[in-house]
Amino acid sequence: MRKLSFAEVINHALNVTLSRTIMTSGTTLVVLLSLVLLGGHSIFDFSLVMTIGVIIGTLSSLFIAGPVMLFFHNREEKIKNSQTSLKKA
């Protein structure tokens, strides 16, 4: 694991947690969708917002968090490299 690049570590971490994330989100969505469809007017708004939140949260943790973290890591590496090259010059 130590010889992998940062991008490969992120990819491995996403692959390991993918099934767990989908199962957890799926079971939560089953309950929330049943509340949306079968719940009364008093709980409809809450369950609809929670359903949308679970969907968006799942998608962002799978498809947005990794690339954003990689972007900031690469940006930090570029800053470190430029600072070391300025010190050498």
N, C-alpha and C. Protein backbone atom coordinates (compact mmCIF):
# COMPACT_ATOMS: atom_id res chain seq x y z
N MET A 1 0.81 -1.19 0.00
CA MET A 1 0.00 0.00 0.00
C MET A 1 0.86 1.27 0.00
N ARG A 2 2.05 1.19 0.56
CA ARG A 2 2.91 2.36 0.64
C ARG A 2 3.49 2.75 -0.72
N LYS A 3 3.54 1.82 -1.66
CA LYS A 3 4.14 2.12 -2.96
C LYS A 3 3.11 2.68 -3.94
N LEU A 4 1.85 2.74 -3.54
CA LEU A 4 0.82 3.26 -4.42
C LEU A 4 0.83 4.78 -4.41
N SER A 5 0.42 5.34 -5.53
CA SER A 5 0.30 6.80 -5.58
C SER A 5 -0.95 7.23 -4.81
N PHE A 6 -1.05 8.52 -4.56
CA PHE A 6 -2.19 9.03 -3.81
C PHE A 6 -3.51 8.75 -4.54
N ALA A 7 -3.51 8.88 -5.86
CA ALA A 7 -4.72 8.60 -6.64
C ALA A 7 -5.11 7.13 -6.54
N GLU A 8 -4.12 6.24 -6.53
CA GLU A 8 -4.42 4.81 -6.41
C GLU A 8 -4.95 4.47 -5.02
N VAL A 9 -4.47 5.16 -4.00
CA VAL A 9 -4.99 4.94 -2.65
C VAL A 9 -6.45 5.38 -2.56
N ILE A 10 -6.77 6.53 -3.15
CA ILE A 10 -8.16 7.00 -3.16
C ILE A 10 -9.03 6.02 -3.92
N ASN A 11 -8.56 5.54 -5.06
CA ASN A 11 -9.32 4.58 -5.85
C ASN A 11 -9.56 3.29 -5.06
N HIS A 12 -8.54 2.81 -4.39
CA HIS A 12 -8.69 1.60 -3.59
C HIS A 12 -9.68 1.81 -2.45
N ALA A 13 -9.60 2.95 -1.79
CA ALA A 13 -10.51 3.24 -0.68
C ALA A 13 -11.96 3.30 -1.16
N LEU A 14 -12.18 3.91 -2.32
CA LEU A 14 -13.54 3.97 -2.86
C LEU A 14 -14.04 2.58 -3.25
N ASN A 15 -13.17 1.76 -3.82
CA ASN A 15 -13.58 0.41 -4.20
C ASN A 15 -13.92 -0.44 -2.98
N VAL A 16 -13.18 -0.25 -1.90
CA VAL A 16 -13.42 -1.04 -0.69
C VAL A 16 -14.75 -0.65 -0.04
N THR A 17 -15.05 0.63 -0.03
CA THR A 17 -16.25 1.10 0.67
C THR A 17 -17.48 1.22 -0.23
N LEU A 18 -17.34 0.94 -1.51
CA LEU A 18 -18.45 1.13 -2.45
C LEU A 18 -19.67 0.29 -2.09
N SER A 19 -19.49 -0.99 -1.88
CA SER A 19 -20.64 -1.85 -1.60
C SER A 19 -21.29 -1.48 -0.27
N ARG A 20 -20.49 -1.14 0.71
CA ARG A 20 -21.04 -0.74 2.01
C ARG A 20 -21.85 0.55 1.90
N THR A 21 -21.35 1.49 1.13
CA THR A 21 -22.05 2.76 0.94
C THR A 21 -23.37 2.55 0.22
N ILE A 22 -23.36 1.74 -0.82
CA ILE A 22 -24.58 1.49 -1.58
C ILE A 22 -25.60 0.74 -0.74
N MET A 23 -25.16 -0.24 0.02
CA MET A 23 -26.10 -1.00 0.87
C MET A 23 -26.71 -0.10 1.95
N THR A 24 -25.90 0.70 2.60
CA THR A 24 -26.40 1.58 3.65
C THR A 24 -27.37 2.61 3.09
N SER A 25 -26.99 3.23 1.98
CA SER A 25 -27.87 4.22 1.37
C SER A 25 -29.14 3.58 0.83
N GLY A 26 -29.00 2.40 0.27
CA GLY A 26 -30.18 1.71 -0.27
C GLY A 26 -31.19 1.36 0.79
N THR A 27 -30.73 0.83 1.92
CA THR A 27 -31.68 0.48 2.98
C THR A 27 -32.30 1.73 3.60
N THR A 28 -31.53 2.80 3.70
CA THR A 28 -32.08 4.05 4.21
C THR A 28 -33.12 4.61 3.24
N LEU A 29 -32.84 4.51 1.95
CA LEU A 29 -33.79 5.00 0.95
C LEU A 29 -35.09 4.20 0.94
N VAL A 30 -35.00 2.91 1.19
CA VAL A 30 -36.22 2.09 1.24
C VAL A 30 -37.15 2.61 2.33
N VAL A 31 -36.60 2.88 3.49
CA VAL A 31 -37.40 3.39 4.61
C VAL A 31 -37.94 4.78 4.29
N LEU A 32 -37.07 5.65 3.76
CA LEU A 32 -37.50 7.02 3.47
C LEU A 32 -38.55 7.07 2.37
N LEU A 33 -38.39 6.25 1.34
CA LEU A 33 -39.39 6.23 0.27
C LEU A 33 -40.72 5.69 0.76
N SER A 34 -40.68 4.73 1.67
CA SER A 34 -41.94 4.25 2.24
C SER A 34 -42.60 5.35 3.08
N LEU A 35 -41.81 6.16 3.76
CA LEU A 35 -42.38 7.29 4.49
C LEU A 35 -42.95 8.34 3.54
N VAL A 36 -42.29 8.57 2.42
CA VAL A 36 -42.80 9.53 1.44
C VAL A 36 -44.12 9.04 0.87
N LEU A 37 -44.19 7.76 0.52
CA LEU A 37 -45.39 7.23 -0.14
C LEU A 37 -46.51 6.91 0.84
N LEU A 38 -46.18 6.40 2.00
CA LEU A 38 -47.20 5.92 2.92
C LEU A 38 -47.42 6.82 4.13
N GLY A 39 -46.49 7.72 4.39
CA GLY A 39 -46.62 8.61 5.54
C GLY A 39 -47.67 9.67 5.28
N GLY A 40 -48.09 10.30 6.33
CA GLY A 40 -49.11 11.33 6.20
C GLY A 40 -48.52 12.67 5.79
N HIS A 41 -49.40 13.68 5.78
CA HIS A 41 -48.97 15.02 5.38
C HIS A 41 -47.97 15.61 6.36
N SER A 42 -48.07 15.24 7.61
CA SER A 42 -47.20 15.84 8.62
C SER A 42 -45.74 15.42 8.46
N ILE A 43 -45.48 14.26 7.91
CA ILE A 43 -44.11 13.76 7.79
C ILE A 43 -43.61 13.77 6.33
N PHE A 44 -44.47 14.14 5.40
CA PHE A 44 -44.12 14.09 3.98
C PHE A 44 -42.93 14.99 3.66
N ASP A 45 -42.99 16.25 4.08
CA ASP A 45 -41.91 17.19 3.75
C ASP A 45 -40.57 16.73 4.32
N PHE A 46 -40.59 16.30 5.57
CA PHE A 46 -39.36 15.83 6.22
C PHE A 46 -38.77 14.63 5.48
N SER A 47 -39.60 13.65 5.18
CA SER A 47 -39.09 12.44 4.54
C SER A 47 -38.63 12.71 3.11
N LEU A 48 -39.28 13.64 2.42
CA LEU A 48 -38.85 13.99 1.07
C LEU A 48 -37.48 14.67 1.09
N VAL A 49 -37.30 15.60 2.02
CA VAL A 49 -36.01 16.28 2.14
C VAL A 49 -34.92 15.30 2.55
N MET A 50 -35.22 14.40 3.45
CA MET A 50 -34.24 13.39 3.86
C MET A 50 -33.87 12.47 2.69
N THR A 51 -34.85 12.10 1.88
CA THR A 51 -34.59 11.25 0.72
C THR A 51 -33.64 11.95 -0.25
N ILE A 52 -33.93 13.20 -0.55
CA ILE A 52 -33.07 13.96 -1.45
C ILE A 52 -31.68 14.11 -0.85
N GLY A 53 -31.60 14.34 0.45
CA GLY A 53 -30.31 14.48 1.11
C GLY A 53 -29.48 13.22 1.09
N VAL A 54 -30.12 12.07 1.27
CA VAL A 54 -29.39 10.80 1.24
C VAL A 54 -28.87 10.53 -0.17
N ILE A 55 -29.67 10.82 -1.17
CA ILE A 55 -29.24 10.62 -2.56
C ILE A 55 -28.05 11.53 -2.89
N ILE A 56 -28.17 12.81 -2.57
CA ILE A 56 -27.10 13.75 -2.86
C ILE A 56 -25.85 13.42 -2.05
N GLY A 57 -26.02 13.06 -0.79
CA GLY A 57 -24.88 12.70 0.05
C GLY A 57 -24.14 11.48 -0.46
N THR A 58 -24.89 10.48 -0.91
CA THR A 58 -24.27 9.28 -1.45
C THR A 58 -23.50 9.58 -2.73
N LEU A 59 -24.12 10.33 -3.62
CA LEU A 59 -23.45 10.66 -4.88
C LEU A 59 -22.21 11.51 -4.63
N SER A 60 -22.30 12.46 -3.71
CA SER A 60 -21.14 13.31 -3.46
C SER A 60 -20.00 12.54 -2.80
N SER A 61 -20.33 11.61 -1.91
CA SER A 61 -19.25 10.85 -1.28
C SER A 61 -18.59 9.89 -2.25
N LEU A 62 -19.33 9.42 -3.24
CA LEU A 62 -18.75 8.49 -4.21
C LEU A 62 -18.02 9.20 -5.35
N PHE A 63 -18.60 10.28 -5.87
CA PHE A 63 -18.10 10.86 -7.11
C PHE A 63 -17.46 12.23 -6.98
N ILE A 64 -17.62 12.90 -5.83
CA ILE A 64 -17.08 14.25 -5.70
C ILE A 64 -15.95 14.31 -4.69
N ALA A 65 -16.08 13.64 -3.56
CA ALA A 65 -15.11 13.76 -2.48
C ALA A 65 -13.71 13.31 -2.90
N GLY A 66 -13.60 12.19 -3.59
CA GLY A 66 -12.30 11.68 -4.03
C GLY A 66 -11.58 12.61 -4.99
N PRO A 67 -12.24 13.03 -6.07
CA PRO A 67 -11.57 13.96 -6.99
C PRO A 67 -11.21 15.31 -6.37
N VAL A 68 -12.06 15.80 -5.46
CA VAL A 68 -11.74 17.07 -4.80
C VAL A 68 -10.52 16.91 -3.91
N MET A 69 -10.46 15.80 -3.18
CA MET A 69 -9.30 15.55 -2.33
C MET A 69 -8.03 15.39 -3.17
N LEU A 70 -8.14 14.72 -4.30
CA LEU A 70 -6.99 14.57 -5.19
C LEU A 70 -6.56 15.92 -5.76
N PHE A 71 -7.52 16.77 -6.11
CA PHE A 71 -7.21 18.10 -6.62
C PHE A 71 -6.41 18.90 -5.59
N PHE A 72 -6.88 18.91 -4.34
CA PHE A 72 -6.18 19.67 -3.31
C PHE A 72 -4.81 19.07 -2.99
N HIS A 73 -4.71 17.76 -3.05
CA HIS A 73 -3.41 17.12 -2.82
C HIS A 73 -2.42 17.52 -3.92
N ASN A 74 -2.87 17.46 -5.17
CA ASN A 74 -1.99 17.84 -6.29
C ASN A 74 -1.61 19.31 -6.21
N ARG A 75 -2.55 20.14 -5.80
CA ARG A 75 -2.28 21.57 -5.65
C ARG A 75 -1.23 21.81 -4.57
N GLU A 76 -1.36 21.10 -3.47
CA GLU A 76 -0.39 21.22 -2.38
C GLU A 76 1.00 20.76 -2.83
N GLU A 77 1.05 19.68 -3.60
CA GLU A 77 2.33 19.19 -4.11
C GLU A 77 2.98 20.21 -5.05
N LYS A 78 2.17 20.85 -5.91
CA LYS A 78 2.72 21.86 -6.81
C LYS A 78 3.28 23.04 -6.03
N ILE A 79 2.58 23.44 -4.97
CA ILE A 79 3.07 24.56 -4.16
C ILE A 79 4.38 24.19 -3.48
N LYS A 80 4.46 22.97 -2.94
CA LYS A 80 5.70 22.53 -2.29
C LYS A 80 6.84 22.47 -3.30
N ASN A 81 6.57 21.96 -4.49
CA ASN A 81 7.61 21.86 -5.52
C ASN A 81 8.08 23.23 -5.97
N SER A 82 7.15 24.17 -6.12
CA SER A 82 7.55 25.51 -6.55
C SER A 82 8.34 26.21 -5.45
N GLN A 83 8.01 25.97 -4.19
CA GLN A 83 8.77 26.59 -3.10
C GLN A 83 10.17 26.02 -3.01
N THR A 84 10.31 24.71 -3.22
CA THR A 84 11.66 24.12 -3.18
C THR A 84 12.49 24.58 -4.36
N SER A 85 11.87 24.77 -5.52
CA SER A 85 12.63 25.26 -6.68
C SER A 85 13.02 26.71 -6.50
N LEU A 86 12.20 27.50 -5.80
CA LEU A 86 12.57 28.89 -5.52
C LEU A 86 13.72 28.97 -4.52
N LYS A 87 13.75 28.04 -3.57
CA LYS A 87 14.83 28.03 -2.58
C LYS A 87 16.16 27.64 -3.23
N LYS A 88 16.10 26.76 -4.23
CA LYS A 88 17.32 26.33 -4.91
C LYS A 88 17.88 27.43 -5.81
N ALA A 89 17.01 28.27 -6.34
CA ALA A 89 17.44 29.30 -7.28
C ALA A 89 18.08 30.49 -6.63
